[in-house]
Amino acid sequence: MVPELLEFKEQLDHVVSSCFQRNEKFTYSVREAFEHFINQRQNKPAELIAKFVDVKLRAGNKEATEEELERLLDKIMVLFRFIHGKDVFEAFYKKDLAKRLLVGKSASVDAEKSMLSKLKQECGGGFTCKLEGMFKDMELSKDINITYKQVGLLIFIE
């Protein structure tokens, strides 16, 4: 659904720009109509967008370069602005991010942080506070493990 929505939105934007010279009324009407129909199924679009982002940010997704992934995340943020169930998106995104971080399946820490910054810019710091905390917890865990291994090695040597 998400790739089709992205393509449909691109087509609508092309029609408004080429046929109506980006007239404000047409642009506003398209935006309103898009928002209306995307939210017909309440929380489902938020869930599907979060799952789509998860698939694209997984390490197994080697089909896109960093620049392509960044452009895709920008397009996804356009869809994100239309959905009403942002809290539902956050719940699914948080669960998927935790899995990616814990299992080490994240394609790129830079891409993850880029997505977080986009969400923070769109929804504010309160929205991303717990998500950013996950990255801090992972860094802390990594530091503790390194210290533990160093101390264990020193004890073993003595």
Protein backbone atom coordinates (compact mmCIF):
# COMPACT_ATOMS: atom_id res chain seq x y z
CA MET A 1 0.00 0.00 0.00
CA VAL A 2 2.71 2.50 0.93
CA PRO A 3 4.64 2.36 -2.37
CA GLU A 4 1.34 2.80 -4.23
CA LEU A 5 0.42 5.77 -2.04
CA LEU A 6 3.81 7.33 -2.67
CA GLU A 7 3.39 6.89 -6.42
CA PHE A 8 -0.18 8.20 -6.34
CA LYS A 9 0.88 11.29 -4.36
CA GLU A 10 3.66 11.92 -6.88
CA GLN A 11 1.15 11.67 -9.75
CA LEU A 12 -1.22 14.08 -8.02
CA ASP A 13 1.59 16.55 -7.43
CA HIS A 14 2.58 16.28 -11.10
CA VAL A 15 -1.00 16.95 -12.26
CA VAL A 16 -1.33 19.99 -10.00
CA SER A 17 2.01 21.41 -11.12
CA SER A 18 1.71 20.70 -14.84
CA CYS A 19 -2.00 21.28 -15.40
CA PHE A 20 -2.84 23.89 -12.77
CA GLN A 21 0.51 25.70 -12.34
CA ARG A 22 0.55 24.82 -8.64
CA ASN A 23 -2.57 26.86 -7.99
CA GLU A 24 -3.06 27.20 -4.22
CA LYS A 25 -6.70 26.12 -4.30
CA PHE A 26 -5.91 22.97 -6.25
CA THR A 27 -2.93 22.20 -4.05
CA TYR A 28 -5.03 22.66 -0.92
CA SER A 29 -7.90 20.58 -2.35
CA VAL A 30 -5.58 17.71 -3.25
CA ARG A 31 -3.99 17.86 0.21
CA GLU A 32 -7.40 17.80 1.91
CA ALA A 33 -8.68 14.95 -0.26
CA PHE A 34 -5.52 12.92 0.26
CA GLU A 35 -5.72 13.38 4.02
CA HIS A 36 -9.39 12.39 4.01
CA PHE A 37 -9.02 9.18 2.06
CA ILE A 38 -5.78 8.06 3.72
CA ASN A 39 -7.47 8.20 7.13
CA GLN A 40 -10.55 6.24 6.10
CA ARG A 41 -9.14 3.11 7.73
CA GLN A 42 -8.19 4.89 10.98
CA ASN A 43 -4.98 3.33 12.32
CA LYS A 44 -4.09 1.00 9.45
CA PRO A 45 -2.13 3.58 7.39
CA ALA A 46 -0.01 4.47 10.42
CA GLU A 47 0.77 0.80 11.02
CA LEU A 48 1.58 0.11 7.38
CA ILE A 49 3.83 3.17 7.07
CA ALA A 50 5.73 2.12 10.21
CA LYS A 51 6.15 -1.42 8.84
CA PHE A 52 7.31 -0.04 5.48
CA VAL A 53 9.93 2.11 7.22
CA ASP A 54 11.03 -0.95 9.21
CA VAL A 55 11.56 -2.97 6.04
CA LYS A 56 13.53 -0.15 4.41
CA LEU A 57 15.75 0.42 7.46
CA ARG A 58 16.63 -3.24 7.96
CA ALA A 59 20.16 -4.40 7.18
CA GLY A 60 18.86 -6.88 4.62
CA ASN A 61 17.55 -4.05 2.46
CA LYS A 62 20.58 -3.44 0.26
CA GLU A 63 18.57 -2.35 -2.76
CA ALA A 64 18.98 1.38 -2.09
CA THR A 65 21.96 3.67 -1.62
CA GLU A 66 22.11 6.10 1.29
CA GLU A 67 20.90 8.96 -0.94
CA GLU A 68 18.00 6.91 -2.32
CA LEU A 69 17.04 5.84 1.19
CA GLU A 70 17.13 9.47 2.35
CA ARG A 71 14.85 10.56 -0.53
CA LEU A 72 12.48 7.69 0.28
CA LEU A 73 12.37 8.72 3.95
CA ASP A 74 11.52 12.28 2.87
CA LYS A 75 8.64 10.94 0.76
CA ILE A 76 7.46 8.79 3.65
CA MET A 77 7.40 11.87 5.88
CA VAL A 78 4.99 13.47 3.38
CA LEU A 79 2.63 10.54 3.95
CA PHE A 80 3.26 10.68 7.69
CA ARG A 81 2.01 14.28 7.77
CA PHE A 82 -1.36 13.13 6.43
CA ILE A 83 -2.07 10.40 8.97
CA HIS A 84 -4.06 11.12 12.11
CA GLY A 85 -2.82 8.08 14.05
CA LYS A 86 0.66 9.39 14.80
CA ASP A 87 0.61 7.71 18.21
CA VAL A 88 -0.12 4.38 16.51
CA PHE A 89 2.79 4.99 14.14
CA GLU A 90 5.03 5.76 17.12
CA ALA A 91 4.06 2.51 18.88
CA PHE A 92 4.81 0.35 15.85
CA TYR A 93 7.95 2.30 14.96
CA LYS A 94 9.26 2.05 18.54
CA LYS A 95 8.72 -1.72 18.63
CA ASP A 96 10.39 -2.20 15.25
CA LEU A 97 13.30 0.11 16.13
CA ALA A 98 13.91 -1.82 19.34
CA LYS A 99 14.05 -5.08 17.38
CA ARG A 100 16.43 -3.60 14.80
CA LEU A 101 18.75 -2.25 17.48
CA LEU A 102 18.74 -5.33 19.72
CA VAL A 103 19.23 -7.84 16.93
CA GLY A 104 21.68 -5.64 15.03
CA LYS A 105 19.57 -5.61 11.88
CA SER A 106 19.68 -1.87 11.26
CA ALA A 107 20.93 -0.95 7.79
CA SER A 108 22.63 2.20 8.99
CA VAL A 109 22.83 4.15 12.22
CA ASP A 110 22.91 7.31 10.10
CA ALA A 111 19.66 6.37 8.37
CA GLU A 112 18.05 5.58 11.73
CA LYS A 113 19.15 8.91 13.18
CA SER A 114 18.03 10.71 10.03
CA MET A 115 14.55 9.22 10.42
CA LEU A 116 14.50 10.24 14.08
CA SER A 117 15.49 13.79 13.21
CA LYS A 118 12.71 13.95 10.62
CA LEU A 119 10.19 12.72 13.19
CA LYS A 120 11.54 15.16 15.76
CA GLN A 121 11.27 18.04 13.32
CA GLU A 122 7.72 17.04 12.43
CA CYS A 123 6.33 16.16 15.88
CA GLY A 124 8.70 17.66 18.43
CA GLY A 125 11.14 16.30 20.97
CA GLY A 126 8.50 14.66 23.15
CA PHE A 127 7.57 12.35 20.30
CA THR A 128 11.12 11.09 19.82
CA CYS A 129 12.43 11.23 23.39
CA LYS A 130 12.01 7.50 24.07
CA LEU A 131 13.28 6.60 20.61
CA GLU A 132 16.46 8.64 21.15
CA GLY A 133 16.79 7.00 24.56
CA MET A 134 17.06 3.62 22.83
CA PHE A 135 20.19 4.79 21.01
CA LYS A 136 21.69 6.11 24.25
CA ASP A 137 20.90 2.80 25.98
CA MET A 138 22.60 0.84 23.17
CA GLU A 139 25.72 3.01 23.44
CA LEU A 140 25.77 2.61 27.22
CA SER A 141 25.36 -1.14 26.87
CA LYS A 142 28.21 -1.29 24.37
CA ASP A 143 30.48 0.73 26.70
CA ILE A 144 29.61 -1.46 29.70
CA ASN A 145 30.34 -4.63 27.69
CA ILE A 146 33.71 -3.28 26.57
CA THR A 147 34.62 -2.36 30.16
CA TYR A 148 33.44 -5.74 31.42
CA LYS A 149 35.54 -7.59 28.85
CA GLN A 150 38.60 -5.46 29.65
CA VAL A 151 38.22 -6.05 33.39
CA GLY A 152 37.64 -9.75 32.84
CA LEU A 153 40.76 -9.95 30.67
CA LEU A 154 42.82 -8.16 33.34
CA ILE A 155 41.60 -10.55 36.04
CA PHE A 156 42.36 -13.52 33.79
CA ILE A 157 45.89 -12.24 33.10
CA GLU A 158 46.66 -11.71 36.78
